[in-house]
Amino acid sequence: MARGQRKSIEDRIKEKEKLISSLQQRIKNETNELEALYKDKNERDMECINQLLKTAHITPEEAVSIIKVHIEEQKLVS
């Protein structure tokens, strides 16, 4: 069975470089998309917390104080 002409080492190197470049661009695009998803999730989480604070009539400063007290209490229990 006859084989096609074998590619030169230079051609194979160029192909691999092109492939790597394409993969690097894809990784960059996927990373940007992931960062956007993290940002969206963070905004949704913050909105949920904000709504909870409004419902409970607690200011952000009061919430920080409450959480700090809780953390200190947990340290004493541990």
C-alpha atoms as a PDB file:
ATOM      1  CA  MET A   1       0.000   0.000   0.000  1.00  0.00           C
ATOM      2  CA  ALA A   2       1.462   3.341  -1.009  1.00  0.00           C
ATOM      3  CA  ARG A   3       1.733   6.115   1.517  1.00  0.00           C
ATOM      4  CA  GLY A   4       1.303   9.778   0.835  1.00  0.00           C
ATOM      5  CA  GLN A   5       4.318  12.024   0.905  1.00  0.00           C
ATOM      6  CA  ARG A   6       5.568  12.466   4.445  1.00  0.00           C
ATOM      7  CA  LYS A   7       5.441  16.016   5.771  1.00  0.00           C
ATOM      8  CA  SER A   8       8.706  17.717   6.518  1.00  0.00           C
ATOM      9  CA  ILE A   9       9.705  18.302  10.114  1.00  0.00           C
ATOM     10  CA  GLU A  10       9.288  22.038   9.517  1.00  0.00           C
ATOM     11  CA  ASP A  11       5.693  21.534   8.387  1.00  0.00           C
ATOM     12  CA  ARG A  12       4.930  19.358  11.395  1.00  0.00           C
ATOM     13  CA  ILE A  13       6.460  21.969  13.707  1.00  0.00           C
ATOM     14  CA  LYS A  14       4.320  24.698  12.108  1.00  0.00           C
ATOM     15  CA  GLU A  15       1.193  22.570  12.510  1.00  0.00           C
ATOM     16  CA  LYS A  16       1.921  21.970  16.188  1.00  0.00           C
ATOM     17  CA  GLU A  17       2.635  25.659  16.756  1.00  0.00           C
ATOM     18  CA  LYS A  18      -0.664  26.539  15.084  1.00  0.00           C
ATOM     19  CA  LEU A  19      -2.515  23.952  17.159  1.00  0.00           C
ATOM     20  CA  ILE A  20      -0.947  25.218  20.386  1.00  0.00           C
ATOM     21  CA  SER A  21      -1.789  28.810  19.463  1.00  0.00           C
ATOM     22  CA  SER A  22      -5.408  27.836  18.801  1.00  0.00           C
ATOM     23  CA  LEU A  23      -5.619  25.976  22.094  1.00  0.00           C
ATOM     24  CA  GLN A  24      -4.117  28.918  23.976  1.00  0.00           C
ATOM     25  CA  GLN A  25      -6.743  31.218  22.458  1.00  0.00           C
ATOM     26  CA  ARG A  26      -9.487  28.792  23.409  1.00  0.00           C
ATOM     27  CA  ILE A  27      -8.168  28.609  26.975  1.00  0.00           C
ATOM     28  CA  LYS A  28      -8.143  32.414  27.110  1.00  0.00           C
ATOM     29  CA  ASN A  29     -11.736  32.555  25.853  1.00  0.00           C
ATOM     30  CA  GLU A  30     -12.896  29.876  28.284  1.00  0.00           C
ATOM     31  CA  THR A  31     -11.112  31.636  31.157  1.00  0.00           C
ATOM     32  CA  ASN A  32     -12.862  34.903  30.300  1.00  0.00           C
ATOM     33  CA  GLU A  33     -16.200  33.110  30.195  1.00  0.00           C
ATOM     34  CA  LEU A  34     -15.508  31.457  33.554  1.00  0.00           C
ATOM     35  CA  GLU A  35     -14.594  34.809  35.110  1.00  0.00           C
ATOM     36  CA  ALA A  36     -17.858  36.278  33.804  1.00  0.00           C
ATOM     37  CA  LEU A  37     -19.772  33.379  35.368  1.00  0.00           C
ATOM     38  CA  TYR A  38     -18.000  33.913  38.710  1.00  0.00           C
ATOM     39  CA  LYS A  39     -18.870  37.609  38.543  1.00  0.00           C
ATOM     40  CA  ASP A  40     -22.514  36.832  37.760  1.00  0.00           C
ATOM     41  CA  LYS A  41     -22.708  34.325  40.619  1.00  0.00           C
ATOM     42  CA  ASN A  42     -21.139  36.810  43.019  1.00  0.00           C
ATOM     43  CA  GLU A  43     -23.639  39.501  42.001  1.00  0.00           C
ATOM     44  CA  ARG A  44     -26.551  37.088  42.506  1.00  0.00           C
ATOM     45  CA  ASP A  45     -25.196  35.992  45.889  1.00  0.00           C
ATOM     46  CA  MET A  46     -24.778  39.611  46.979  1.00  0.00           C
ATOM     47  CA  GLU A  47     -28.317  40.450  45.841  1.00  0.00           C
ATOM     48  CA  CYS A  48     -29.650  37.500  47.842  1.00  0.00           C
ATOM     49  CA  ILE A  49     -27.775  38.662  50.946  1.00  0.00           C
ATOM     50  CA  ASN A  50     -28.956  42.230  50.371  1.00  0.00           C
ATOM     51  CA  GLN A  51     -32.584  41.080  50.165  1.00  0.00           C
ATOM     52  CA  LEU A  52     -32.175  39.046  53.351  1.00  0.00           C
ATOM     53  CA  LEU A  53     -30.755  42.061  55.179  1.00  0.00           C
ATOM     54  CA  LYS A  54     -33.601  44.275  53.938  1.00  0.00           C
ATOM     55  CA  THR A  55     -36.193  41.725  55.036  1.00  0.00           C
ATOM     56  CA  ALA A  56     -34.593  41.497  58.473  1.00  0.00           C
ATOM     57  CA  HIS A  57     -34.142  45.296  58.673  1.00  0.00           C
ATOM     58  CA  ILE A  58     -30.411  44.856  59.314  1.00  0.00           C
ATOM     59  CA  THR A  59     -27.824  47.278  57.968  1.00  0.00           C
ATOM     60  CA  PRO A  60     -24.650  45.947  56.367  1.00  0.00           C
ATOM     61  CA  GLU A  61     -22.691  47.308  59.332  1.00  0.00           C
ATOM     62  CA  GLU A  62     -24.926  45.423  61.763  1.00  0.00           C
ATOM     63  CA  ALA A  63     -24.508  42.266  59.699  1.00  0.00           C
ATOM     64  CA  VAL A  64     -20.718  42.600  59.865  1.00  0.00           C
ATOM     65  CA  SER A  65     -20.909  43.002  63.631  1.00  0.00           C
ATOM     66  CA  ILE A  66     -23.198  39.976  63.991  1.00  0.00           C
ATOM     67  CA  ILE A  67     -20.899  37.843  61.851  1.00  0.00           C
ATOM     68  CA  LYS A  68     -17.821  38.922  63.820  1.00  0.00           C
ATOM     69  CA  VAL A  69     -19.519  37.941  67.076  1.00  0.00           C
ATOM     70  CA  HIS A  70     -20.495  34.599  65.561  1.00  0.00           C
ATOM     71  CA  ILE A  71     -16.912  33.959  64.429  1.00  0.00           C
ATOM     72  CA  GLU A  72     -15.566  34.723  67.892  1.00  0.00           C
ATOM     73  CA  GLU A  73     -18.146  32.421  69.482  1.00  0.00           C
ATOM     74  CA  GLN A  74     -17.139  29.629  67.103  1.00  0.00           C
ATOM     75  CA  LYS A  75     -13.481  30.085  68.058  1.00  0.00           C
ATOM     76  CA  LEU A  76     -14.392  29.618  71.722  1.00  0.00           C
ATOM     77  CA  VAL A  77     -16.340  26.432  70.967  1.00  0.00           C
ATOM     78  CA  SER A  78     -13.521  24.903  68.926  1.00  0.00           C
END
